[in-house]
Amino acid sequence: MAADKLARARLARAAMRFKRPGLPALVLLTDDERLSDPLGAALALPRGSLVIVRARQGVRRAKLAAALVEVARRRGLLLLVANDARLAARIGADGVHLSEARAANAAHWRARRPDWLVTAAAHSLSACARARHADALLLAPVFATASHLGGTALGAIRARIIARASPLPVYALGGIDAGNVARLEGAKIAGVAAISALS
């Protein structure tokens, strides 16, 4: 447990080295299978971090979002809801996160809710270009990860190239932890996003 806490702290410190003005440096994504205690994970985040609520089942998503918005307010965190703008508006979230398939909707939400933070998932440079109306992108998978078992990771070099060419700030996501985040030093990224490494 102490080792996990130390690793989370190291990852948070590393993320701060990438920080861009106006954006959080560290992002926690909830996951139905891989994050058993999302409230505990959110409580352990440094102030100013971002939590993205993801849950496939609507009732679970609504309950989780309602619980996390309370944690976010108390702890000074930002909260986005993935692919559910109606729920985000209802609970007073700070915005919405869009899957790569829905990234083109960023322009719609930017126009309707200019006060919101809008992020989108991207797995390639062309996906980064399609999501050009978002505020930031989560580029994945940078390293091998349980979320994409058997999938091909971008790797640090390719992730750096995409981040440099992207029209938007990019967060590195996928297999990132305190042990490998140093491989991204010097990359033009806005911060890091994780599930397991922040659990």
N, C-alpha and C. Protein backbone atom coordinates (compact mmCIF):
# COMPACT_ATOMS: atom_id res chain seq x y z
N MET A 1 0.82 -1.20 0.00
CA MET A 1 0.00 0.00 0.00
C MET A 1 0.86 1.26 0.00
N ALA A 2 1.90 1.29 0.85
CA ALA A 2 2.81 2.44 0.89
C ALA A 2 3.54 2.59 -0.43
N ALA A 3 3.90 1.46 -1.05
CA ALA A 3 4.58 1.50 -2.35
C ALA A 3 3.67 2.08 -3.41
N ASP A 4 2.38 1.70 -3.39
CA ASP A 4 1.41 2.25 -4.34
C ASP A 4 1.27 3.75 -4.16
N LYS A 5 1.21 4.18 -2.91
CA LYS A 5 1.07 5.60 -2.61
C LYS A 5 2.29 6.38 -3.12
N LEU A 6 3.45 5.82 -2.90
CA LEU A 6 4.69 6.46 -3.37
C LEU A 6 4.72 6.52 -4.89
N ALA A 7 4.31 5.46 -5.56
CA ALA A 7 4.30 5.43 -7.02
C ALA A 7 3.32 6.46 -7.57
N ARG A 8 2.14 6.59 -6.94
CA ARG A 8 1.16 7.60 -7.37
C ARG A 8 1.74 9.00 -7.21
N ALA A 9 2.42 9.24 -6.10
CA ALA A 9 3.02 10.56 -5.86
C ALA A 9 4.09 10.86 -6.89
N ARG A 10 4.91 9.86 -7.23
CA ARG A 10 5.95 10.05 -8.25
C ARG A 10 5.33 10.36 -9.62
N LEU A 11 4.25 9.67 -9.95
CA LEU A 11 3.58 9.92 -11.22
C LEU A 11 2.98 11.33 -11.25
N ALA A 12 2.38 11.75 -10.14
CA ALA A 12 1.79 13.09 -10.06
C ALA A 12 2.88 14.16 -10.22
N ARG A 13 4.03 13.96 -9.58
CA ARG A 13 5.13 14.93 -9.72
C ARG A 13 5.63 14.98 -11.16
N ALA A 14 5.75 13.82 -11.78
CA ALA A 14 6.20 13.77 -13.17
C ALA A 14 5.20 14.48 -14.08
N ALA A 15 3.91 14.29 -13.84
CA ALA A 15 2.88 14.93 -14.66
C ALA A 15 2.99 16.45 -14.58
N MET A 16 3.33 16.98 -13.42
CA MET A 16 3.44 18.43 -13.25
C MET A 16 4.53 19.04 -14.13
N ARG A 17 5.50 18.24 -14.51
CA ARG A 17 6.56 18.77 -15.38
C ARG A 17 6.05 19.04 -16.80
N PHE A 18 4.92 18.42 -17.16
CA PHE A 18 4.34 18.63 -18.48
C PHE A 18 3.27 19.72 -18.49
N LYS A 19 2.84 20.16 -17.34
CA LYS A 19 1.66 21.02 -17.19
C LYS A 19 1.66 22.22 -18.12
N ARG A 20 0.48 22.45 -18.71
CA ARG A 20 0.24 23.62 -19.56
C ARG A 20 -0.70 24.57 -18.83
N PRO A 21 -0.56 25.87 -19.00
CA PRO A 21 -1.48 26.82 -18.35
C PRO A 21 -2.93 26.54 -18.72
N GLY A 22 -3.79 26.56 -17.73
CA GLY A 22 -5.22 26.38 -17.97
C GLY A 22 -5.69 24.94 -18.07
N LEU A 23 -4.78 23.98 -18.01
CA LEU A 23 -5.16 22.57 -18.10
C LEU A 23 -4.59 21.81 -16.92
N PRO A 24 -5.31 20.80 -16.44
CA PRO A 24 -4.74 19.96 -15.38
C PRO A 24 -3.60 19.11 -15.93
N ALA A 25 -2.69 18.72 -15.07
CA ALA A 25 -1.55 17.90 -15.51
C ALA A 25 -1.82 16.41 -15.38
N LEU A 26 -2.75 16.05 -14.49
CA LEU A 26 -2.98 14.64 -14.17
C LEU A 26 -4.46 14.30 -14.36
N VAL A 27 -4.73 13.19 -15.05
CA VAL A 27 -6.10 12.77 -15.36
C VAL A 27 -6.31 11.33 -14.89
N LEU A 28 -7.37 11.13 -14.12
CA LEU A 28 -7.80 9.79 -13.72
C LEU A 28 -9.04 9.43 -14.51
N LEU A 29 -9.02 8.25 -15.15
CA LEU A 29 -10.21 7.75 -15.82
C LEU A 29 -10.78 6.61 -15.01
N THR A 30 -12.09 6.63 -14.79
CA THR A 30 -12.70 5.49 -14.11
C THR A 30 -12.87 4.37 -15.13
N ASP A 31 -12.94 3.15 -14.63
CA ASP A 31 -13.04 1.98 -15.49
C ASP A 31 -13.81 0.90 -14.75
N ASP A 32 -14.84 0.36 -15.37
CA ASP A 32 -15.71 -0.64 -14.72
C ASP A 32 -14.94 -1.85 -14.23
N GLU A 33 -13.94 -2.30 -14.97
CA GLU A 33 -13.21 -3.50 -14.61
C GLU A 33 -11.91 -3.23 -13.85
N ARG A 34 -11.22 -2.16 -14.18
CA ARG A 34 -9.86 -1.98 -13.70
C ARG A 34 -9.69 -0.99 -12.55
N LEU A 35 -10.77 -0.34 -12.14
CA LEU A 35 -10.66 0.61 -11.03
C LEU A 35 -11.78 0.30 -10.03
N SER A 36 -11.43 -0.50 -9.03
CA SER A 36 -12.44 -0.98 -8.09
C SER A 36 -12.92 0.10 -7.13
N ASP A 37 -12.09 1.11 -6.84
CA ASP A 37 -12.46 2.15 -5.89
C ASP A 37 -12.23 3.54 -6.49
N PRO A 38 -13.11 3.97 -7.40
CA PRO A 38 -12.89 5.27 -8.04
C PRO A 38 -12.95 6.44 -7.06
N LEU A 39 -13.77 6.33 -6.01
CA LEU A 39 -13.85 7.42 -5.03
C LEU A 39 -12.53 7.54 -4.27
N GLY A 40 -11.98 6.42 -3.85
CA GLY A 40 -10.69 6.43 -3.17
C GLY A 40 -9.59 6.96 -4.05
N ALA A 41 -9.60 6.56 -5.32
CA ALA A 41 -8.58 7.04 -6.26
C ALA A 41 -8.69 8.55 -6.46
N ALA A 42 -9.92 9.05 -6.57
CA ALA A 42 -10.12 10.49 -6.74
C ALA A 42 -9.68 11.26 -5.49
N LEU A 43 -9.96 10.70 -4.33
CA LEU A 43 -9.55 11.36 -3.08
C LEU A 43 -8.04 11.46 -2.95
N ALA A 44 -7.31 10.57 -3.60
CA ALA A 44 -5.85 10.56 -3.51
C ALA A 44 -5.18 11.50 -4.52
N LEU A 45 -5.97 12.09 -5.43
CA LEU A 45 -5.39 12.97 -6.46
C LEU A 45 -4.99 14.32 -5.88
N PRO A 46 -3.96 14.93 -6.44
CA PRO A 46 -3.62 16.30 -6.03
C PRO A 46 -4.69 17.28 -6.51
N ARG A 47 -4.85 18.37 -5.79
CA ARG A 47 -5.79 19.42 -6.20
C ARG A 47 -5.49 19.84 -7.63
N GLY A 48 -6.55 20.17 -8.38
CA GLY A 48 -6.38 20.62 -9.75
C GLY A 48 -6.34 19.51 -10.77
N SER A 49 -6.37 18.25 -10.32
CA SER A 49 -6.38 17.12 -11.25
C SER A 49 -7.77 16.99 -11.89
N LEU A 50 -7.86 16.14 -12.88
CA LEU A 50 -9.10 15.90 -13.62
C LEU A 50 -9.53 14.45 -13.47
N VAL A 51 -10.84 14.24 -13.27
CA VAL A 51 -11.42 12.90 -13.24
C VAL A 51 -12.40 12.79 -14.40
N ILE A 52 -12.29 11.71 -15.17
CA ILE A 52 -13.24 11.43 -16.25
C ILE A 52 -14.05 10.20 -15.86
N VAL A 53 -15.36 10.39 -15.74
CA VAL A 53 -16.26 9.30 -15.35
C VAL A 53 -16.65 8.51 -16.59
N ARG A 54 -16.28 7.22 -16.58
CA ARG A 54 -16.66 6.33 -17.67
C ARG A 54 -17.33 5.11 -17.05
N ALA A 55 -18.51 4.79 -17.51
CA ALA A 55 -19.21 3.57 -17.08
C ALA A 55 -20.19 3.23 -18.19
N ARG A 56 -20.20 1.97 -18.57
CA ARG A 56 -21.04 1.56 -19.70
C ARG A 56 -22.53 1.62 -19.37
N GLN A 57 -22.89 1.22 -18.17
CA GLN A 57 -24.30 1.14 -17.78
C GLN A 57 -24.77 2.48 -17.23
N GLY A 58 -25.89 2.98 -17.76
CA GLY A 58 -26.37 4.32 -17.44
C GLY A 58 -26.63 4.60 -15.98
N VAL A 59 -27.27 3.65 -15.29
CA VAL A 59 -27.58 3.86 -13.87
C VAL A 59 -26.29 3.93 -13.06
N ARG A 60 -25.37 3.02 -13.33
CA ARG A 60 -24.08 3.05 -12.63
C ARG A 60 -23.34 4.34 -12.92
N ARG A 61 -23.35 4.78 -14.19
CA ARG A 61 -22.67 6.02 -14.56
C ARG A 61 -23.23 7.22 -13.79
N ALA A 62 -24.56 7.28 -13.69
CA ALA A 62 -25.20 8.39 -12.98
C ALA A 62 -24.85 8.39 -11.50
N LYS A 63 -24.87 7.22 -10.87
CA LYS A 63 -24.52 7.13 -9.44
C LYS A 63 -23.06 7.48 -9.21
N LEU A 64 -22.19 6.96 -10.05
CA LEU A 64 -20.77 7.22 -9.90
C LEU A 64 -20.48 8.71 -10.12
N ALA A 65 -21.08 9.29 -11.14
CA ALA A 65 -20.86 10.71 -11.42
C ALA A 65 -21.35 11.58 -10.28
N ALA A 66 -22.51 11.26 -9.71
CA ALA A 66 -23.05 12.04 -8.59
C ALA A 66 -22.13 11.96 -7.38
N ALA A 67 -21.58 10.78 -7.11
CA ALA A 67 -20.66 10.63 -5.98
C ALA A 67 -19.35 11.36 -6.25
N LEU A 68 -18.84 11.25 -7.46
CA LEU A 68 -17.55 11.86 -7.79
C LEU A 68 -17.63 13.38 -7.88
N VAL A 69 -18.77 13.93 -8.26
CA VAL A 69 -18.87 15.39 -8.33
C VAL A 69 -18.74 15.98 -6.93
N GLU A 70 -19.24 15.27 -5.93
CA GLU A 70 -19.08 15.73 -4.54
C GLU A 70 -17.61 15.70 -4.13
N VAL A 71 -16.93 14.61 -4.45
CA VAL A 71 -15.50 14.49 -4.15
C VAL A 71 -14.73 15.59 -4.87
N ALA A 72 -15.06 15.82 -6.13
CA ALA A 72 -14.36 16.83 -6.93
C ALA A 72 -14.50 18.22 -6.31
N ARG A 73 -15.69 18.55 -5.88
CA ARG A 73 -15.90 19.88 -5.28
C ARG A 73 -15.09 20.02 -3.99
N ARG A 74 -15.12 18.98 -3.16
CA ARG A 74 -14.39 19.04 -1.88
C ARG A 74 -12.89 19.09 -2.08
N ARG A 75 -12.39 18.40 -3.09
CA ARG A 75 -10.94 18.25 -3.27
C ARG A 75 -10.35 19.21 -4.31
N GLY A 76 -11.17 20.06 -4.93
CA GLY A 76 -10.65 20.99 -5.94
C GLY A 76 -10.23 20.30 -7.22
N LEU A 77 -11.03 19.32 -7.64
CA LEU A 77 -10.76 18.57 -8.88
C LEU A 77 -11.74 19.00 -9.96
N LEU A 78 -11.38 18.77 -11.21
CA LEU A 78 -12.30 18.94 -12.32
C LEU A 78 -12.93 17.58 -12.62
N LEU A 79 -14.17 17.59 -13.11
CA LEU A 79 -14.88 16.34 -13.41
C LEU A 79 -15.55 16.43 -14.77
N LEU A 80 -15.26 15.45 -15.62
CA LEU A 80 -15.92 15.32 -16.91
C LEU A 80 -16.67 14.00 -16.94
N VAL A 81 -17.73 13.94 -17.72
CA VAL A 81 -18.48 12.70 -17.92
C VAL A 81 -18.27 12.27 -19.36
N ALA A 82 -17.91 11.02 -19.57
CA ALA A 82 -17.64 10.51 -20.91
C ALA A 82 -18.94 10.23 -21.66
N ASN A 83 -19.06 10.83 -22.83
CA ASN A 83 -20.14 10.55 -23.79
C ASN A 83 -21.55 10.70 -23.24
N ASP A 84 -21.73 11.55 -22.23
CA ASP A 84 -23.06 11.75 -21.66
C ASP A 84 -23.20 13.20 -21.22
N ALA A 85 -23.40 14.08 -22.19
CA ALA A 85 -23.48 15.51 -21.91
C ALA A 85 -24.71 15.85 -21.07
N ARG A 86 -25.79 15.10 -21.26
CA ARG A 86 -26.99 15.36 -20.46
C ARG A 86 -26.71 15.14 -18.98
N LEU A 87 -26.04 14.03 -18.66
CA LEU A 87 -25.68 13.76 -17.27
C LEU A 87 -24.69 14.80 -16.76
N ALA A 88 -23.71 15.17 -17.58
CA ALA A 88 -22.73 16.18 -17.18
C ALA A 88 -23.42 17.48 -16.80
N ALA A 89 -24.40 17.90 -17.59
CA ALA A 89 -25.13 19.13 -17.29
C ALA A 89 -25.96 18.98 -16.02
N ARG A 90 -26.61 17.83 -15.86
CA ARG A 90 -27.49 17.62 -14.71
C ARG A 90 -26.74 17.66 -13.38
N ILE A 91 -25.54 17.11 -13.33
CA ILE A 91 -24.81 17.07 -12.06
C ILE A 91 -23.88 18.27 -11.87
N GLY A 92 -23.80 19.13 -12.88
CA GLY A 92 -22.93 20.29 -12.78
C GLY A 92 -21.46 19.96 -12.98
N ALA A 93 -21.18 19.00 -13.85
CA ALA A 93 -19.80 18.63 -14.16
C ALA A 93 -19.12 19.79 -14.89
N ASP A 94 -17.81 19.69 -15.03
CA ASP A 94 -17.03 20.74 -15.68
C ASP A 94 -16.95 20.56 -17.19
N GLY A 95 -17.55 19.48 -17.70
CA GLY A 95 -17.53 19.28 -19.14
C GLY A 95 -17.75 17.84 -19.51
N VAL A 96 -17.32 17.52 -20.73
CA VAL A 96 -17.58 16.20 -21.29
C VAL A 96 -16.31 15.68 -21.99
N HIS A 97 -16.15 14.35 -21.92
CA HIS A 97 -15.09 13.67 -22.66
C HIS A 97 -15.76 12.84 -23.75
N LEU A 98 -15.25 12.93 -24.96
CA LEU A 98 -15.84 12.23 -26.10
C LEU A 98 -14.94 11.11 -26.58
N SER A 99 -15.55 9.99 -26.92
CA SER A 99 -14.79 8.89 -27.53
C SER A 99 -14.30 9.35 -28.90
N GLU A 100 -13.35 8.62 -29.46
CA GLU A 100 -12.84 8.99 -30.79
C GLU A 100 -13.97 9.01 -31.81
N ALA A 101 -14.90 8.08 -31.71
CA ALA A 101 -16.02 8.01 -32.65
C ALA A 101 -16.94 9.23 -32.55
N ARG A 102 -16.97 9.86 -31.38
CA ARG A 102 -17.84 11.03 -31.19
C ARG A 102 -17.07 12.35 -31.15
N ALA A 103 -15.79 12.31 -31.45
CA ALA A 103 -14.95 13.50 -31.31
C ALA A 103 -15.41 14.66 -32.18
N ALA A 104 -16.03 14.38 -33.32
CA ALA A 104 -16.52 15.46 -34.17
C ALA A 104 -17.60 16.29 -33.49
N ASN A 105 -18.23 15.74 -32.44
CA ASN A 105 -19.25 16.49 -31.70
C ASN A 105 -18.65 17.58 -30.81
N ALA A 106 -17.35 17.64 -30.74
CA ALA A 106 -16.71 18.66 -29.89
C ALA A 106 -17.13 20.06 -30.29
N ALA A 107 -17.26 20.32 -31.58
CA ALA A 107 -17.68 21.65 -32.05
C ALA A 107 -19.06 22.00 -31.53
N HIS A 108 -19.95 21.02 -31.54
CA HIS A 108 -21.31 21.23 -31.03
C HIS A 108 -21.30 21.64 -29.56
N TRP A 109 -20.54 20.88 -28.75
CA TRP A 109 -20.52 21.17 -27.31
C TRP A 109 -19.72 22.43 -27.01
N ARG A 110 -18.73 22.75 -27.82
CA ARG A 110 -17.99 24.00 -27.64
C ARG A 110 -18.93 25.18 -27.86
N ALA A 111 -19.82 25.07 -28.87
CA ALA A 111 -20.77 26.16 -29.15
C ALA A 111 -21.87 26.24 -28.09
N ARG A 112 -22.41 25.10 -27.69
CA ARG A 112 -23.52 25.09 -26.72
C ARG A 112 -23.08 25.39 -25.31
N ARG A 113 -21.89 24.92 -24.93
CA ARG A 113 -21.41 25.08 -23.56
C ARG A 113 -19.98 25.63 -23.58
N PRO A 114 -19.81 26.91 -23.90
CA PRO A 114 -18.45 27.46 -23.98
C PRO A 114 -17.70 27.44 -22.65
N ASP A 115 -18.43 27.26 -21.55
CA ASP A 115 -17.81 27.20 -20.22
C ASP A 115 -17.25 25.81 -19.91
N TRP A 116 -17.60 24.82 -20.72
CA TRP A 116 -17.17 23.45 -20.46
C TRP A 116 -15.75 23.19 -20.97
N LEU A 117 -15.08 22.25 -20.30
CA LEU A 117 -13.86 21.64 -20.81
C LEU A 117 -14.29 20.43 -21.64
N VAL A 118 -13.85 20.37 -22.88
CA VAL A 118 -14.22 19.28 -23.77
C VAL A 118 -12.94 18.56 -24.20
N THR A 119 -12.85 17.27 -23.86
CA THR A 119 -11.72 16.46 -24.28
C THR A 119 -12.22 15.33 -25.18
N ALA A 120 -11.31 14.76 -25.92
CA ALA A 120 -11.67 13.66 -26.81
C ALA A 120 -10.55 12.63 -26.85
N ALA A 121 -10.92 11.40 -27.12
CA ALA A 121 -9.95 10.32 -27.28
C ALA A 121 -9.40 10.34 -28.70
N ALA A 122 -8.13 9.98 -28.84
CA ALA A 122 -7.50 9.88 -30.16
C ALA A 122 -6.49 8.74 -30.13
N HIS A 123 -6.42 8.01 -31.24
CA HIS A 123 -5.48 6.89 -31.34
C HIS A 123 -4.50 7.07 -32.49
N SER A 124 -4.58 8.24 -33.16
CA SER A 124 -3.71 8.49 -34.31
C SER A 124 -3.67 10.00 -34.56
N LEU A 125 -2.76 10.43 -35.43
CA LEU A 125 -2.68 11.84 -35.78
C LEU A 125 -3.93 12.29 -36.52
N SER A 126 -4.47 11.45 -37.40
CA SER A 126 -5.68 11.84 -38.13
C SER A 126 -6.85 12.02 -37.18
N ALA A 127 -6.92 11.21 -36.12
CA ALA A 127 -7.97 11.38 -35.12
C ALA A 127 -7.79 12.70 -34.37
N CYS A 128 -6.56 13.09 -34.13
CA CYS A 128 -6.29 14.39 -33.49
C CYS A 128 -6.85 15.52 -34.34
N ALA A 129 -6.66 15.42 -35.65
CA ALA A 129 -7.15 16.47 -36.55
C ALA A 129 -8.67 16.53 -36.57
N ARG A 130 -9.33 15.37 -36.52
CA ARG A 130 -10.80 15.34 -36.55
C ARG A 130 -11.42 15.94 -35.28
N ALA A 131 -10.68 15.93 -34.20
CA ALA A 131 -11.21 16.43 -32.93
C ALA A 131 -10.75 17.86 -32.67
N ARG A 132 -10.47 18.61 -33.72
CA ARG A 132 -9.81 19.91 -33.58
C ARG A 132 -10.60 20.95 -32.77
N HIS A 133 -11.88 20.71 -32.48
CA HIS A 133 -12.67 21.68 -31.71
C HIS A 133 -12.69 21.36 -30.21
N ALA A 134 -12.03 20.28 -29.83
CA ALA A 134 -11.93 19.96 -28.40
C ALA A 134 -10.88 20.87 -27.76
N ASP A 135 -10.82 20.84 -26.43
CA ASP A 135 -9.79 21.60 -25.72
C ASP A 135 -8.50 20.81 -25.61
N ALA A 136 -8.62 19.49 -25.52
CA ALA A 136 -7.45 18.63 -25.37
C ALA A 136 -7.82 17.22 -25.78
N LEU A 137 -6.77 16.41 -26.05
CA LEU A 137 -6.96 15.03 -26.50
C LEU A 137 -6.25 14.07 -25.56
N LEU A 138 -6.83 12.87 -25.42
CA LEU A 138 -6.17 11.78 -24.69
C LEU A 138 -5.69 10.79 -25.74
N LEU A 139 -4.38 10.75 -25.95
CA LEU A 139 -3.77 9.90 -26.97
C LEU A 139 -3.43 8.55 -26.36
N ALA A 140 -3.94 7.47 -26.98
CA ALA A 140 -3.73 6.14 -26.40
C ALA A 140 -3.74 5.07 -27.49
N PRO A 141 -3.19 3.90 -27.15
CA PRO A 141 -2.37 3.60 -25.98
C PRO A 141 -0.90 3.91 -26.26
N VAL A 142 -0.30 4.67 -25.37
CA VAL A 142 1.10 5.02 -25.54
C VAL A 142 1.98 3.80 -25.28
N PHE A 143 1.72 3.11 -24.16
CA PHE A 143 2.46 1.89 -23.83
C PHE A 143 1.47 0.73 -23.74
N ALA A 144 1.98 -0.49 -23.69
CA ALA A 144 1.12 -1.66 -23.57
C ALA A 144 0.25 -1.53 -22.32
N THR A 145 -1.01 -1.91 -22.44
CA THR A 145 -1.94 -1.73 -21.35
C THR A 145 -3.01 -2.81 -21.34
N ALA A 146 -3.54 -3.09 -20.16
CA ALA A 146 -4.61 -4.08 -20.03
C ALA A 146 -5.89 -3.62 -20.71
N SER A 147 -6.03 -2.33 -20.95
CA SER A 147 -7.22 -1.81 -21.63
C SER A 147 -7.25 -2.22 -23.10
N HIS A 148 -6.09 -2.46 -23.69
CA HIS A 148 -6.00 -2.83 -25.10
C HIS A 148 -5.14 -4.09 -25.23
N LEU A 149 -5.57 -5.16 -24.56
CA LEU A 149 -4.80 -6.41 -24.59
C LEU A 149 -4.60 -6.88 -26.02
N GLY A 150 -3.35 -7.16 -26.36
CA GLY A 150 -3.05 -7.64 -27.70
C GLY A 150 -2.96 -6.53 -28.73
N GLY A 151 -3.34 -5.30 -28.35
CA GLY A 151 -3.28 -4.18 -29.29
C GLY A 151 -1.86 -3.64 -29.41
N THR A 152 -1.63 -2.89 -30.45
CA THR A 152 -0.31 -2.31 -30.67
C THR A 152 -0.23 -0.94 -30.00
N ALA A 153 0.73 -0.78 -29.12
CA ALA A 153 0.95 0.50 -28.47
C ALA A 153 1.67 1.45 -29.42
N LEU A 154 1.43 2.74 -29.26
CA LEU A 154 2.10 3.74 -30.09
C LEU A 154 3.60 3.77 -29.82
N GLY A 155 3.96 3.65 -28.55
CA GLY A 155 5.36 3.78 -28.15
C GLY A 155 5.70 5.25 -27.92
N ALA A 156 6.76 5.48 -27.16
CA ALA A 156 7.13 6.84 -26.78
C ALA A 156 7.49 7.70 -27.98
N ILE A 157 8.21 7.15 -28.94
CA ILE A 157 8.65 7.96 -30.09
C ILE A 157 7.47 8.39 -30.93
N ARG A 158 6.61 7.45 -31.28
CA ARG A 158 5.45 7.80 -32.11
C ARG A 158 4.51 8.75 -31.37
N ALA A 159 4.33 8.54 -30.07
CA ALA A 159 3.49 9.44 -29.27
C ALA A 159 4.05 10.86 -29.28
N ARG A 160 5.37 10.97 -29.19
CA ARG A 160 6.02 12.30 -29.25
C ARG A 160 5.75 12.98 -30.59
N ILE A 161 5.86 12.22 -31.67
CA ILE A 161 5.65 12.77 -33.01
C ILE A 161 4.21 13.26 -33.16
N ILE A 162 3.26 12.44 -32.72
CA ILE A 162 1.85 12.82 -32.82
C ILE A 162 1.57 14.05 -31.95
N ALA A 163 2.08 14.07 -30.73
CA ALA A 163 1.85 15.21 -29.84
C ALA A 163 2.41 16.49 -30.43
N ARG A 164 3.59 16.40 -31.06
CA ARG A 164 4.20 17.59 -31.66
C ARG A 164 3.37 18.10 -32.84
N ALA A 165 2.79 17.18 -33.61
CA ALA A 165 2.03 17.57 -34.81
C ALA A 165 0.57 17.90 -34.52
N SER A 166 0.08 17.51 -33.35
CA SER A 166 -1.34 17.72 -33.02
C SER A 166 -1.67 19.20 -32.91
N PRO A 167 -2.85 19.59 -33.43
CA PRO A 167 -3.27 20.99 -33.28
C PRO A 167 -3.72 21.32 -31.86
N LEU A 168 -3.88 20.31 -31.02
CA LEU A 168 -4.39 20.49 -29.66
C LEU A 168 -3.43 19.91 -28.63
N PRO A 169 -3.54 20.38 -27.39
CA PRO A 169 -2.77 19.74 -26.32
C PRO A 169 -3.14 18.27 -26.20
N VAL A 170 -2.15 17.44 -25.92
CA VAL A 170 -2.33 15.99 -25.88
C VAL A 170 -1.91 15.46 -24.51
N TYR A 171 -2.74 14.58 -23.96
CA TYR A 171 -2.39 13.82 -22.76
C TYR A 171 -1.98 12.43 -23.19
N ALA A 172 -0.95 11.90 -22.58
CA ALA A 172 -0.51 10.54 -22.86
C ALA A 172 -1.30 9.59 -21.96
N LEU A 173 -1.88 8.56 -22.55
CA LEU A 173 -2.70 7.58 -21.83
C LEU A 173 -2.33 6.18 -22.30
N GLY A 174 -2.37 5.24 -21.39
CA GLY A 174 -2.18 3.84 -21.75
C GLY A 174 -0.88 3.29 -21.24
N GLY A 175 -0.96 2.53 -20.17
CA GLY A 175 0.22 1.86 -19.63
C GLY A 175 1.21 2.78 -18.95
N ILE A 176 0.83 4.03 -18.72
CA ILE A 176 1.77 4.98 -18.12
C ILE A 176 1.78 4.81 -16.61
N ASP A 177 2.98 4.76 -16.06
CA ASP A 177 3.13 4.64 -14.61
C ASP A 177 4.39 5.38 -14.18
N ALA A 178 4.66 5.34 -12.90
CA ALA A 178 5.82 6.07 -12.36
C ALA A 178 7.13 5.55 -12.93
N GLY A 179 7.16 4.29 -13.37
CA GLY A 179 8.38 3.70 -13.90
C GLY A 179 8.70 4.09 -15.32
N ASN A 180 7.69 4.34 -16.15
CA ASN A 180 7.98 4.62 -17.56
C ASN A 180 7.67 6.05 -18.00
N VAL A 181 7.09 6.86 -17.13
CA VAL A 181 6.73 8.21 -17.53
C VAL A 181 7.95 9.03 -17.95
N ALA A 182 9.11 8.70 -17.42
CA ALA A 182 10.34 9.42 -17.79
C ALA A 182 10.65 9.27 -19.28
N ARG A 183 10.14 8.22 -19.93
CA ARG A 183 10.37 8.04 -21.37
C ARG A 183 9.68 9.12 -22.19
N LEU A 184 8.78 9.87 -21.55
CA LEU A 184 8.07 10.94 -22.25
C LEU A 184 8.66 12.32 -21.96
N GLU A 185 9.72 12.37 -21.15
CA GLU A 185 10.35 13.66 -20.83
C GLU A 185 10.71 14.39 -22.11
N GLY A 186 10.40 15.68 -22.14
CA GLY A 186 10.70 16.49 -23.31
C GLY A 186 9.64 16.43 -24.39
N ALA A 187 8.66 15.53 -24.24
CA ALA A 187 7.58 15.44 -25.23
C ALA A 187 6.64 16.63 -25.06
N LYS A 188 6.03 17.04 -26.15
CA LYS A 188 5.10 18.17 -26.13
C LYS A 188 3.71 17.67 -25.73
N ILE A 189 3.60 17.21 -24.47
CA ILE A 189 2.31 16.75 -23.98
C ILE A 189 1.86 17.66 -22.84
N ALA A 190 0.55 17.65 -22.58
CA ALA A 190 -0.02 18.51 -21.54
C ALA A 190 -0.02 17.83 -20.18
N GLY A 191 0.16 16.52 -20.17
CA GLY A 191 0.13 15.78 -18.92
C GLY A 191 -0.08 14.31 -19.18
N VAL A 192 -0.38 13.59 -18.12
CA VAL A 192 -0.59 12.15 -18.25
C VAL A 192 -1.95 11.76 -17.70
N ALA A 193 -2.49 10.70 -18.29
CA ALA A 193 -3.77 10.14 -17.88
C ALA A 193 -3.56 8.67 -17.56
N ALA A 194 -4.28 8.18 -16.57
CA ALA A 194 -4.07 6.78 -16.16
C ALA A 194 -5.31 6.24 -15.48
N ILE A 195 -5.33 4.91 -15.38
CA ILE A 195 -6.35 4.19 -14.61
C ILE A 195 -5.64 3.45 -13.49
N SER A 196 -5.00 2.36 -13.82
CA SER A 196 -4.38 1.50 -12.82
C SER A 196 -3.30 2.20 -12.00
N ALA A 197 -2.49 3.03 -12.65
CA ALA A 197 -1.39 3.69 -11.95
C ALA A 197 -1.88 4.69 -10.91
N LEU A 198 -3.17 5.07 -10.98
CA LEU A 198 -3.73 6.00 -10.00
C LEU A 198 -4.76 5.34 -9.10
N SER A 199 -4.83 4.00 -9.16
CA SER A 199 -5.83 3.29 -8.35
C SER A 199 -5.35 3.11 -6.92
